[in-house]
């Protein structure tokens, strides 16, 4: 099967609709062997930000500033500025529009416009982008992905797809308003599975492993987090400890709960939004382990949406999704 193409006119912009084929989710490839955690390149400078928290008083976030500007938090969620990030994190605790029932910030009329920022970005990322569109569209045929042409920067209200070599990341999370900036960046090392994950953020999904009820299903083993190449870890200490030397264990905050967000539905180990068991781990260790006996964590991060991912997406588009 292939993507069908239709021509649209959108004011002064010319677009084309990429309608994904209708495939049952179980027919999709379940794993992508080259998947890695959705992190930035190793030489990025990480910062730790302490913010107010309604439940615990304060909590820490790890973020960095990519070359394109803005800030990235939770490993791969991009915000145009630090102020935008703070507004998102604090308002989600207050029950405003940022608080989600898994995903409830849908794109108007289930239409997702996107544009490559350059011909080079298109050449480098097009096959990955089309894979992601097919993957999400296979279980959600009501979604319409609209390509805006010609390629170029400078647009709001649409997703700009770039190929900078500073990681795999996307705007977090879902649609906000037409004047906002949206982005998906795919470095050369980002796999097709990574791209499906990043489009999940665009569609409104947060990370499954950061659900507030995570510890009822899997356990985060902080002692197994890799302290990082710039860390000189004192003897007999690990990433569970406090007051560590500067530069140590900043990635432990990638597993912090996404406070203020309500995730409905069963916990989903097969979600494309779930990290692999070895994410940010020391060699030969796991950072995520099952709580219940007999349960197993996937060795690889899923490369396509799960049945429960599609069910959650359907709940966000009750008018467009026909069960």
C-alpha atoms as a PDB file:
ATOM      1  CA  UNK A   1       0.000   0.000   0.000  1.00  0.00           C
ATOM      2  CA  UNK A   2       1.055   3.574  -0.473  1.00  0.00           C
ATOM      3  CA  UNK A   3       0.103   7.024   0.638  1.00  0.00           C
ATOM      4  CA  UNK A   4      -2.677   8.630  -1.376  1.00  0.00           C
ATOM      5  CA  UNK A   5      -2.156  12.222  -2.460  1.00  0.00           C
ATOM      6  CA  UNK A   6      -4.762  14.957  -2.916  1.00  0.00           C
ATOM      7  CA  UNK A   7      -4.346  18.624  -3.635  1.00  0.00           C
ATOM      8  CA  UNK A   8      -5.754  21.268  -1.323  1.00  0.00           C
ATOM      9  CA  UNK A   9      -5.685  25.033  -1.358  1.00  0.00           C
ATOM     10  CA  UNK A  10      -5.096  26.719   1.987  1.00  0.00           C
ATOM     11  CA  UNK A  11      -5.388  30.483   1.553  1.00  0.00           C
ATOM     12  CA  UNK A  12      -2.180  31.372  -0.300  1.00  0.00           C
ATOM     13  CA  UNK A  13      -0.461  28.093   0.517  1.00  0.00           C
ATOM     14  CA  UNK A  14      -0.612  24.962  -1.585  1.00  0.00           C
ATOM     15  CA  UNK A  15      -0.892  21.719   0.361  1.00  0.00           C
ATOM     16  CA  UNK A  16      -1.376  18.044  -0.224  1.00  0.00           C
ATOM     17  CA  UNK A  17      -3.172  15.549   1.981  1.00  0.00           C
ATOM     18  CA  UNK A  18      -1.283  12.416   2.929  1.00  0.00           C
ATOM     19  CA  UNK A  19      -4.037   9.979   3.900  1.00  0.00           C
ATOM     20  CA  UNK A  20      -2.526   6.857   5.393  1.00  0.00           C
ATOM     21  CA  UNK A  21      -3.711   3.392   4.323  1.00  0.00           C
ATOM     22  CA  UNK A  22      -6.158   1.446   6.455  1.00  0.00           C
ATOM     23  CA  UNK A  23      -4.175  -1.368   8.072  1.00  0.00           C
ATOM     24  CA  UNK A  24      -4.985  -3.258  11.234  1.00  0.00           C
ATOM     25  CA  UNK A  25      -2.473  -2.297  13.962  1.00  0.00           C
ATOM     26  CA  UNK A  26      -1.498  -5.947  14.482  1.00  0.00           C
ATOM     27  CA  UNK A  27      -0.242  -6.114  10.896  1.00  0.00           C
ATOM     28  CA  UNK A  28       2.388  -3.473  11.571  1.00  0.00           C
ATOM     29  CA  UNK A  29       5.977  -4.320  12.391  1.00  0.00           C
ATOM     30  CA  UNK A  30       6.127  -4.451  16.205  1.00  0.00           C
ATOM     31  CA  UNK A  31       9.733  -3.442  16.785  1.00  0.00           C
ATOM     32  CA  UNK A  32      12.460  -1.361  15.227  1.00  0.00           C
ATOM     33  CA  UNK A  33      15.861  -2.917  15.912  1.00  0.00           C
ATOM     34  CA  UNK A  34      17.835   0.323  15.729  1.00  0.00           C
ATOM     35  CA  UNK A  35      15.669   2.189  18.217  1.00  0.00           C
ATOM     36  CA  UNK A  36      17.403   4.124  20.971  1.00  0.00           C
ATOM     37  CA  UNK A  37      15.994   6.312  23.752  1.00  0.00           C
ATOM     38  CA  UNK A  38      14.669   9.584  22.394  1.00  0.00           C
ATOM     39  CA  UNK A  39      17.557  11.604  23.737  1.00  0.00           C
ATOM     40  CA  UNK A  40      19.819  14.316  22.369  1.00  0.00           C
ATOM     41  CA  UNK A  41      23.406  13.834  21.337  1.00  0.00           C
ATOM     42  CA  UNK A  42      25.864  13.117  24.146  1.00  0.00           C
ATOM     43  CA  UNK A  43      27.678  16.451  23.926  1.00  0.00           C
ATOM     44  CA  UNK A  44      24.589  18.498  24.782  1.00  0.00           C
ATOM     45  CA  UNK A  45      24.782  20.564  27.971  1.00  0.00           C
ATOM     46  CA  UNK A  46      22.061  19.574  30.429  1.00  0.00           C
ATOM     47  CA  UNK A  47      20.582  21.921  32.987  1.00  0.00           C
ATOM     48  CA  UNK A  48      18.448  21.097  36.022  1.00  0.00           C
ATOM     49  CA  UNK A  49      15.512  23.373  36.782  1.00  0.00           C
ATOM     50  CA  UNK A  50      13.662  23.299  40.123  1.00  0.00           C
ATOM     51  CA  UNK A  51      10.000  24.315  39.845  1.00  0.00           C
ATOM     52  CA  UNK A  52       7.075  24.501  42.295  1.00  0.00           C
ATOM     53  CA  UNK A  53       5.049  21.323  42.675  1.00  0.00           C
ATOM     54  CA  UNK A  54       1.596  21.108  44.241  1.00  0.00           C
ATOM     55  CA  UNK A  55       2.183  17.604  45.593  1.00  0.00           C
ATOM     56  CA  UNK A  56       5.770  17.671  46.861  1.00  0.00           C
ATOM     57  CA  UNK A  57       6.625  21.363  47.145  1.00  0.00           C
ATOM     58  CA  UNK A  58       9.266  21.346  44.415  1.00  0.00           C
ATOM     59  CA  UNK A  59      10.498  19.020  41.692  1.00  0.00           C
ATOM     60  CA  UNK A  60      13.380  18.968  39.242  1.00  0.00           C
ATOM     61  CA  UNK A  61      13.321  18.961  35.463  1.00  0.00           C
ATOM     62  CA  UNK A  62      16.252  18.261  33.171  1.00  0.00           C
ATOM     63  CA  UNK A  63      16.329  20.453  30.082  1.00  0.00           C
ATOM     64  CA  UNK A  64      18.708  21.678  27.424  1.00  0.00           C
ATOM     65  CA  UNK A  65      18.771  24.313  24.722  1.00  0.00           C
ATOM     66  CA  UNK A  66      19.069  22.875  21.191  1.00  0.00           C
ATOM     67  CA  UNK A  67      20.781  24.706  18.363  1.00  0.00           C
ATOM     68  CA  UNK A  68      17.444  25.709  16.898  1.00  0.00           C
ATOM     69  CA  UNK A  69      16.487  27.668  20.011  1.00  0.00           C
ATOM     70  CA  UNK A  70      13.893  27.049  22.679  1.00  0.00           C
ATOM     71  CA  UNK A  71      14.217  24.355  25.342  1.00  0.00           C
ATOM     72  CA  UNK A  72      13.741  20.588  25.477  1.00  0.00           C
ATOM     73  CA  UNK A  73      12.399  18.785  28.551  1.00  0.00           C
ATOM     74  CA  UNK A  74      11.497  15.146  29.328  1.00  0.00           C
ATOM     75  CA  UNK A  75      14.153  14.094  26.822  1.00  0.00           C
ATOM     76  CA  UNK A  76      12.447  15.134  23.602  1.00  0.00           C
ATOM     77  CA  UNK A  77       9.607  17.619  24.201  1.00  0.00           C
ATOM     78  CA  UNK A  78      10.392  21.018  22.654  1.00  0.00           C
ATOM     79  CA  UNK A  79       9.049  24.389  23.812  1.00  0.00           C
ATOM     80  CA  UNK A  80       9.755  27.719  22.053  1.00  0.00           C
ATOM     81  CA  UNK A  81      11.130  29.276  25.250  1.00  0.00           C
ATOM     82  CA  UNK A  82      11.796  28.588  28.924  1.00  0.00           C
ATOM     83  CA  UNK A  83       8.776  30.746  29.769  1.00  0.00           C
ATOM     84  CA  UNK A  84       6.578  28.524  27.573  1.00  0.00           C
ATOM     85  CA  UNK A  85       7.905  25.447  29.367  1.00  0.00           C
ATOM     86  CA  UNK A  86       7.258  26.938  32.804  1.00  0.00           C
ATOM     87  CA  UNK A  87       3.755  28.007  31.804  1.00  0.00           C
ATOM     88  CA  UNK A  88       3.009  24.480  30.580  1.00  0.00           C
ATOM     89  CA  UNK A  89       4.428  22.720  33.636  1.00  0.00           C
ATOM     90  CA  UNK A  90       2.788  24.975  36.216  1.00  0.00           C
ATOM     91  CA  UNK A  91      -0.611  25.356  34.554  1.00  0.00           C
ATOM     92  CA  UNK A  92      -0.911  21.575  34.131  1.00  0.00           C
ATOM     93  CA  UNK A  93      -0.958  21.312  37.923  1.00  0.00           C
ATOM     94  CA  UNK A  94      -3.825  23.787  38.151  1.00  0.00           C
ATOM     95  CA  UNK A  95      -6.246  21.851  35.975  1.00  0.00           C
ATOM     96  CA  UNK A  96      -6.135  24.251  33.052  1.00  0.00           C
ATOM     97  CA  UNK A  97      -6.209  23.283  29.397  1.00  0.00           C
ATOM     98  CA  UNK A  98      -2.773  21.706  29.591  1.00  0.00           C
ATOM     99  CA  UNK A  99      -3.974  18.953  31.920  1.00  0.00           C
ATOM    100  CA  UNK A 100      -4.651  15.954  29.718  1.00  0.00           C
ATOM    101  CA  UNK A 101      -6.683  12.800  29.772  1.00  0.00           C
ATOM    102  CA  UNK A 102      -3.826  11.069  27.995  1.00  0.00           C
ATOM    103  CA  UNK A 103      -4.410  13.190  24.902  1.00  0.00           C
ATOM    104  CA  UNK A 104      -7.118  15.852  24.682  1.00  0.00           C
ATOM    105  CA  UNK A 105      -5.518  18.659  22.697  1.00  0.00           C
ATOM    106  CA  UNK A 106      -6.579  17.550  19.224  1.00  0.00           C
ATOM    107  CA  UNK A 107      -5.806  19.280  15.969  1.00  0.00           C
ATOM    108  CA  UNK A 108      -8.816  21.088  14.474  1.00  0.00           C
ATOM    109  CA  UNK A 109     -10.847  18.803  12.208  1.00  0.00           C
ATOM    110  CA  UNK A 110      -8.229  16.062  12.774  1.00  0.00           C
ATOM    111  CA  UNK A 111      -6.001  17.836  10.244  1.00  0.00           C
ATOM    112  CA  UNK A 112      -2.258  18.082  10.907  1.00  0.00           C
ATOM    113  CA  UNK A 113      -0.401  20.472   8.548  1.00  0.00           C
ATOM    114  CA  UNK A 114       3.351  20.091   8.137  1.00  0.00           C
ATOM    115  CA  UNK A 115       6.148  21.637   6.125  1.00  0.00           C
ATOM    116  CA  UNK A 116       9.798  20.732   5.544  1.00  0.00           C
ATOM    117  CA  UNK A 117      11.998  23.691   6.433  1.00  0.00           C
ATOM    118  CA  UNK A 118      14.274  23.087   3.425  1.00  0.00           C
ATOM    119  CA  UNK A 119      14.859  20.768   0.489  1.00  0.00           C
ATOM    120  CA  UNK A 120      17.737  19.239   2.441  1.00  0.00           C
ATOM    121  CA  UNK A 121      15.475  18.519   5.410  1.00  0.00           C
ATOM    122  CA  UNK A 122      12.987  16.858   3.070  1.00  0.00           C
ATOM    123  CA  UNK A 123      15.689  14.704   1.489  1.00  0.00           C
ATOM    124  CA  UNK A 124      16.979  13.575   4.886  1.00  0.00           C
ATOM    125  CA  UNK A 125      13.673  12.955   6.657  1.00  0.00           C
ATOM    126  CA  UNK A 126      10.943  12.275   4.100  1.00  0.00           C
ATOM    127  CA  UNK A 127      11.029   8.468   4.322  1.00  0.00           C
ATOM    128  CA  UNK A 128      10.872   8.624   8.132  1.00  0.00           C
ATOM    129  CA  UNK A 129       8.032  11.137   8.095  1.00  0.00           C
ATOM    130  CA  UNK A 130       5.993   9.077   5.643  1.00  0.00           C
ATOM    131  CA  UNK A 131       6.586   5.973   7.774  1.00  0.00           C
ATOM    132  CA  UNK A 132       5.241   7.817  10.827  1.00  0.00           C
ATOM    133  CA  UNK A 133       2.222   9.123   8.919  1.00  0.00           C
ATOM    134  CA  UNK A 134       1.433   5.598   7.744  1.00  0.00           C
ATOM    135  CA  UNK A 135       1.944   4.173  11.233  1.00  0.00           C
ATOM    136  CA  UNK A 136      -0.483   6.581  12.905  1.00  0.00           C
ATOM    137  CA  UNK A 137      -2.913   6.649   9.995  1.00  0.00           C
ATOM    138  CA  UNK A 138      -3.166   2.861   9.841  1.00  0.00           C
ATOM    139  CA  UNK A 139      -5.183   2.798  13.048  1.00  0.00           C
ATOM    140  CA  UNK A 140      -6.562   6.338  12.799  1.00  0.00           C
ATOM    141  CA  UNK A 141      -7.651   6.810   9.165  1.00  0.00           C
ATOM    142  CA  UNK A 142      -9.632   9.892  10.178  1.00  0.00           C
ATOM    143  CA  UNK A 143      -6.364  11.835  10.620  1.00  0.00           C
ATOM    144  CA  UNK A 144      -5.339  14.001   7.672  1.00  0.00           C
ATOM    145  CA  UNK A 145      -1.690  15.003   7.354  1.00  0.00           C
ATOM    146  CA  UNK A 146      -1.465  18.040   5.070  1.00  0.00           C
ATOM    147  CA  UNK A 147       1.858  18.880   3.477  1.00  0.00           C
ATOM    148  CA  UNK A 148       2.362  22.614   2.891  1.00  0.00           C
ATOM    149  CA  UNK A 149       4.559  23.579  -0.055  1.00  0.00           C
ATOM    150  CA  UNK A 150       6.959  25.044  -0.973  1.00  0.00           C
ATOM    151  CA  UNK A 151       9.505  24.085   1.664  1.00  0.00           C
ATOM    152  CA  UNK A 152      10.628  26.847   4.001  1.00  0.00           C
ATOM    153  CA  UNK A 153      10.726  28.301   7.494  1.00  0.00           C
ATOM    154  CA  UNK A 154       8.640  31.077   8.985  1.00  0.00           C
ATOM    155  CA  UNK A 155       5.230  29.547   9.588  1.00  0.00           C
ATOM    156  CA  UNK A 156       3.064  29.322  12.698  1.00  0.00           C
ATOM    157  CA  UNK A 157       0.242  26.889  13.276  1.00  0.00           C
ATOM    158  CA  UNK A 158       1.913  24.141  11.250  1.00  0.00           C
ATOM    159  CA  UNK A 159       4.618  21.597  12.031  1.00  0.00           C
ATOM    160  CA  UNK A 160       8.048  22.525  10.709  1.00  0.00           C
ATOM    161  CA  UNK A 161      10.209  19.472  10.052  1.00  0.00           C
ATOM    162  CA  UNK A 162      13.966  19.980  10.348  1.00  0.00           C
ATOM    163  CA  UNK A 163      17.038  17.747  10.331  1.00  0.00           C
ATOM    164  CA  UNK A 164      19.493  19.378  12.723  1.00  0.00           C
ATOM    165  CA  UNK A 165      22.061  17.086  14.306  1.00  0.00           C
ATOM    166  CA  UNK A 166      21.045  17.706  17.914  1.00  0.00           C
ATOM    167  CA  UNK A 167      18.552  14.933  18.483  1.00  0.00           C
ATOM    168  CA  UNK A 168      15.043  13.626  17.975  1.00  0.00           C
ATOM    169  CA  UNK A 169      12.419  15.955  19.430  1.00  0.00           C
ATOM    170  CA  UNK A 170       8.998  17.465  18.841  1.00  0.00           C
ATOM    171  CA  UNK A 171       6.695  20.112  20.209  1.00  0.00           C
ATOM    172  CA  UNK A 172       5.026  19.029  23.425  1.00  0.00           C
ATOM    173  CA  UNK A 173       2.193  18.221  23.430  1.00  0.00           C
ATOM    174  CA  UNK A 174      -0.717  18.382  20.989  1.00  0.00           C
ATOM    175  CA  UNK A 175      -2.309  21.451  19.404  1.00  0.00           C
ATOM    176  CA  UNK A 176      -2.473  24.745  21.297  1.00  0.00           C
ATOM    177  CA  UNK A 177      -3.379  27.697  19.076  1.00  0.00           C
ATOM    178  CA  UNK A 178      -2.763  28.804  15.469  1.00  0.00           C
ATOM    179  CA  UNK A 179      -0.142  31.390  16.431  1.00  0.00           C
ATOM    180  CA  UNK A 180       2.080  28.851  18.208  1.00  0.00           C
ATOM    181  CA  UNK A 181       5.217  27.345  16.726  1.00  0.00           C
ATOM    182  CA  UNK A 182       5.342  23.573  16.207  1.00  0.00           C
ATOM    183  CA  UNK A 183       8.359  21.513  15.277  1.00  0.00           C
ATOM    184  CA  UNK A 184       9.677  18.011  14.680  1.00  0.00           C
ATOM    185  CA  UNK A 185      13.450  17.624  14.440  1.00  0.00           C
ATOM    186  CA  UNK A 186      15.008  14.408  13.163  1.00  0.00           C
ATOM    187  CA  UNK A 187      18.784  14.065  13.289  1.00  0.00           C
ATOM    188  CA  UNK A 188      20.350  11.488  11.007  1.00  0.00           C
ATOM    189  CA  UNK A 189      20.551   8.962  13.867  1.00  0.00           C
ATOM    190  CA  UNK A 190      16.792   9.166  14.524  1.00  0.00           C
ATOM    191  CA  UNK A 191      15.097   5.990  13.348  1.00  0.00           C
ATOM    192  CA  UNK A 192      11.678   5.587  11.804  1.00  0.00           C
ATOM    193  CA  UNK A 193      10.460   4.360  15.183  1.00  0.00           C
ATOM    194  CA  UNK A 194      11.773   7.531  16.817  1.00  0.00           C
ATOM    195  CA  UNK A 195       9.804   9.520  14.262  1.00  0.00           C
ATOM    196  CA  UNK A 196       6.568   7.704  15.123  1.00  0.00           C
ATOM    197  CA  UNK A 197       7.218   8.558  18.783  1.00  0.00           C
ATOM    198  CA  UNK A 198       7.822  12.238  17.992  1.00  0.00           C
ATOM    199  CA  UNK A 199       4.634  12.449  15.953  1.00  0.00           C
ATOM    200  CA  UNK A 200       2.896  10.986  19.003  1.00  0.00           C
ATOM    201  CA  UNK A 201       3.897  14.114  20.928  1.00  0.00           C
ATOM    202  CA  UNK A 202       2.562  16.252  18.089  1.00  0.00           C
ATOM    203  CA  UNK A 203      -0.756  14.391  18.284  1.00  0.00           C
ATOM    204  CA  UNK A 204      -0.980  15.031  22.020  1.00  0.00           C
ATOM    205  CA  UNK A 205       0.677  12.096  23.768  1.00  0.00           C
ATOM    206  CA  UNK A 206       2.975  12.430  26.755  1.00  0.00           C
ATOM    207  CA  UNK A 207       5.398   9.678  27.836  1.00  0.00           C
ATOM    208  CA  UNK A 208       3.739   6.511  29.085  1.00  0.00           C
ATOM    209  CA  UNK A 209       6.558   5.770  31.533  1.00  0.00           C
ATOM    210  CA  UNK A 210       6.024   9.160  33.203  1.00  0.00           C
ATOM    211  CA  UNK A 211       2.440   8.418  34.203  1.00  0.00           C
ATOM    212  CA  UNK A 212       1.778   9.196  37.876  1.00  0.00           C
ATOM    213  CA  UNK A 213       0.643   5.583  38.376  1.00  0.00           C
ATOM    214  CA  UNK A 214       3.818   4.131  36.852  1.00  0.00           C
ATOM    215  CA  UNK A 215       5.128   2.527  40.035  1.00  0.00           C
ATOM    216  CA  UNK A 216       2.006   0.358  40.230  1.00  0.00           C
ATOM    217  CA  UNK A 217       3.187  -1.342  37.059  1.00  0.00           C
ATOM    218  CA  UNK A 218       6.923  -0.807  36.581  1.00  0.00           C
ATOM    219  CA  UNK A 219       9.681   0.404  38.864  1.00  0.00           C
ATOM    220  CA  UNK A 220      12.276   3.043  38.062  1.00  0.00           C
ATOM    221  CA  UNK A 221      15.674   1.814  39.283  1.00  0.00           C
ATOM    222  CA  UNK A 222      17.519   5.069  39.862  1.00  0.00           C
ATOM    223  CA  UNK A 223      20.699   3.229  40.921  1.00  0.00           C
ATOM    224  CA  UNK A 224      21.057   1.944  37.353  1.00  0.00           C
ATOM    225  CA  UNK A 225      21.031   5.362  35.662  1.00  0.00           C
ATOM    226  CA  UNK A 226      24.288   6.122  33.866  1.00  0.00           C
ATOM    227  CA  UNK A 227      25.858   9.078  35.753  1.00  0.00           C
ATOM    228  CA  UNK A 228      27.113  10.551  32.483  1.00  0.00           C
ATOM    229  CA  UNK A 229      30.506  11.036  30.821  1.00  0.00           C
ATOM    230  CA  UNK A 230      31.276  14.232  32.744  1.00  0.00           C
ATOM    231  CA  UNK A 231      30.562  12.712  36.157  1.00  0.00           C
ATOM    232  CA  UNK A 232      33.169  11.575  38.664  1.00  0.00           C
ATOM    233  CA  UNK A 233      30.984   9.499  40.955  1.00  0.00           C
ATOM    234  CA  UNK A 234      32.194   9.163  44.567  1.00  0.00           C
ATOM    235  CA  UNK A 235      32.689   5.587  45.834  1.00  0.00           C
ATOM    236  CA  UNK A 236      29.621   3.751  47.126  1.00  0.00           C
ATOM    237  CA  UNK A 237      27.232   6.293  45.642  1.00  0.00           C
ATOM    238  CA  UNK A 238      24.814   6.156  42.704  1.00  0.00           C
ATOM    239  CA  UNK A 239      22.120   8.157  40.967  1.00  0.00           C
ATOM    240  CA  UNK A 240      19.616   7.592  43.786  1.00  0.00           C
ATOM    241  CA  UNK A 241      21.690   9.805  46.062  1.00  0.00           C
ATOM    242  CA  UNK A 242      21.309  13.534  46.614  1.00  0.00           C
ATOM    243  CA  UNK A 243      24.023  16.215  46.657  1.00  0.00           C
ATOM    244  CA  UNK A 244      26.103  14.574  43.951  1.00  0.00           C
ATOM    245  CA  UNK A 245      28.940  16.406  42.153  1.00  0.00           C
ATOM    246  CA  UNK A 246      27.960  18.818  39.406  1.00  0.00           C
ATOM    247  CA  UNK A 247      27.307  17.083  36.114  1.00  0.00           C
ATOM    248  CA  UNK A 248      26.239  13.773  37.668  1.00  0.00           C
ATOM    249  CA  UNK A 249      23.008  11.879  37.029  1.00  0.00           C
ATOM    250  CA  UNK A 250      21.045  14.638  35.333  1.00  0.00           C
ATOM    251  CA  UNK A 251      19.218  12.035  33.254  1.00  0.00           C
ATOM    252  CA  UNK A 252      17.474  10.625  36.331  1.00  0.00           C
ATOM    253  CA  UNK A 253      14.984  13.454  35.970  1.00  0.00           C
ATOM    254  CA  UNK A 254      13.926  12.078  32.581  1.00  0.00           C
ATOM    255  CA  UNK A 255      11.853   9.604  34.599  1.00  0.00           C
ATOM    256  CA  UNK A 256      10.043  12.139  36.799  1.00  0.00           C
ATOM    257  CA  UNK A 257       6.263  12.024  36.766  1.00  0.00           C
ATOM    258  CA  UNK A 258       4.460  14.401  34.426  1.00  0.00           C
ATOM    259  CA  UNK A 259       2.524  16.003  37.250  1.00  0.00           C
ATOM    260  CA  UNK A 260      -0.990  17.323  36.642  1.00  0.00           C
ATOM    261  CA  UNK A 261      -1.697  15.072  33.666  1.00  0.00           C
ATOM    262  CA  UNK A 262      -4.384  12.406  33.950  1.00  0.00           C
ATOM    263  CA  UNK A 263      -3.772   9.326  31.843  1.00  0.00           C
ATOM    264  CA  UNK A 264      -6.834   7.194  31.303  1.00  0.00           C
ATOM    265  CA  UNK A 265      -6.845   3.583  30.207  1.00  0.00           C
ATOM    266  CA  UNK A 266      -4.639   0.693  31.331  1.00  0.00           C
ATOM    267  CA  UNK A 267      -0.889   1.127  31.659  1.00  0.00           C
ATOM    268  CA  UNK A 268       0.584   0.178  28.289  1.00  0.00           C
ATOM    269  CA  UNK A 269       4.031  -1.411  28.090  1.00  0.00           C
ATOM    270  CA  UNK A 270       3.579  -1.654  24.325  1.00  0.00           C
ATOM    271  CA  UNK A 271       2.880   2.051  23.816  1.00  0.00           C
ATOM    272  CA  UNK A 272       5.087   3.771  21.269  1.00  0.00           C
ATOM    273  CA  UNK A 273       5.384   6.497  23.912  1.00  0.00           C
ATOM    274  CA  UNK A 274       7.098   4.141  26.403  1.00  0.00           C
ATOM    275  CA  UNK A 275      10.882   4.032  26.706  1.00  0.00           C
ATOM    276  CA  UNK A 276      12.766   0.740  26.569  1.00  0.00           C
ATOM    277  CA  UNK A 277      13.835  -0.935  29.795  1.00  0.00           C
ATOM    278  CA  UNK A 278      17.461   0.154  29.330  1.00  0.00           C
ATOM    279  CA  UNK A 279      16.800   3.860  28.721  1.00  0.00           C
ATOM    280  CA  UNK A 280      19.671   5.997  30.079  1.00  0.00           C
ATOM    281  CA  UNK A 281      21.052   2.935  31.901  1.00  0.00           C
ATOM    282  CA  UNK A 282      24.543   1.793  32.781  1.00  0.00           C
ATOM    283  CA  UNK A 283      25.833  -0.950  30.442  1.00  0.00           C
ATOM    284  CA  UNK A 284      24.118  -4.245  31.137  1.00  0.00           C
ATOM    285  CA  UNK A 285      21.579  -2.684  33.518  1.00  0.00           C
ATOM    286  CA  UNK A 286      17.905  -1.743  33.266  1.00  0.00           C
ATOM    287  CA  UNK A 287      16.303   1.439  34.536  1.00  0.00           C
ATOM    288  CA  UNK A 288      12.721   0.193  34.145  1.00  0.00           C
ATOM    289  CA  UNK A 289      11.670  -3.187  35.550  1.00  0.00           C
ATOM    290  CA  UNK A 290       8.227  -4.792  35.972  1.00  0.00           C
ATOM    291  CA  UNK A 291       6.617  -4.782  39.401  1.00  0.00           C
ATOM    292  CA  UNK A 292       4.490  -7.909  38.989  1.00  0.00           C
ATOM    293  CA  UNK A 293       6.050 -11.332  38.663  1.00  0.00           C
ATOM    294  CA  UNK A 294       5.696 -12.873  35.230  1.00  0.00           C
ATOM    295  CA  UNK A 295       5.593  -9.495  33.503  1.00  0.00           C
ATOM    296  CA  UNK A 296       8.400  -8.571  31.126  1.00  0.00           C
ATOM    297  CA  UNK A 297       9.632  -5.244  29.835  1.00  0.00           C
ATOM    298  CA  UNK A 298      10.235  -4.934  26.079  1.00  0.00           C
ATOM    299  CA  UNK A 299      13.899  -5.068  25.075  1.00  0.00           C
ATOM    300  CA  UNK A 300      13.263  -2.431  22.434  1.00  0.00           C
ATOM    301  CA  UNK A 301      11.098   0.637  22.258  1.00  0.00           C
ATOM    302  CA  UNK A 302       8.021  -0.034  20.083  1.00  0.00           C
ATOM    303  CA  UNK A 303       8.238   1.426  16.598  1.00  0.00           C
ATOM    304  CA  UNK A 304       4.506   1.626  15.906  1.00  0.00           C
ATOM    305  CA  UNK A 305       1.484   2.681  17.976  1.00  0.00           C
ATOM    306  CA  UNK A 306      -0.202   0.039  20.096  1.00  0.00           C
ATOM    307  CA  UNK A 307      -3.877  -0.875  20.193  1.00  0.00           C
ATOM    308  CA  UNK A 308      -4.249   1.229  23.347  1.00  0.00           C
ATOM    309  CA  UNK A 309      -2.465   4.172  21.694  1.00  0.00           C
ATOM    310  CA  UNK A 310      -5.061   4.140  18.932  1.00  0.00           C
ATOM    311  CA  UNK A 311      -7.885   3.807  21.467  1.00  0.00           C
ATOM    312  CA  UNK A 312      -6.595   6.877  23.330  1.00  0.00           C
ATOM    313  CA  UNK A 313      -6.303   8.814  20.081  1.00  0.00           C
ATOM    314  CA  UNK A 314      -9.863   7.877  19.177  1.00  0.00           C
ATOM    315  CA  UNK A 315     -11.097   9.345  22.448  1.00  0.00           C
ATOM    316  CA  UNK A 316      -9.505  12.660  21.459  1.00  0.00           C
ATOM    317  CA  UNK A 317     -11.404  12.760  18.168  1.00  0.00           C
ATOM    318  CA  UNK A 318     -14.898  11.487  19.076  1.00  0.00           C
ATOM    319  CA  UNK A 319     -16.511  13.176  16.069  1.00  0.00           C
ATOM    320  CA  UNK A 320     -13.980  11.978  13.503  1.00  0.00           C
ATOM    321  CA  UNK A 321     -13.228   8.534  14.924  1.00  0.00           C
ATOM    322  CA  UNK A 322     -15.837   5.980  13.871  1.00  0.00           C
ATOM    323  CA  UNK A 323     -15.493   2.827  15.945  1.00  0.00           C
END
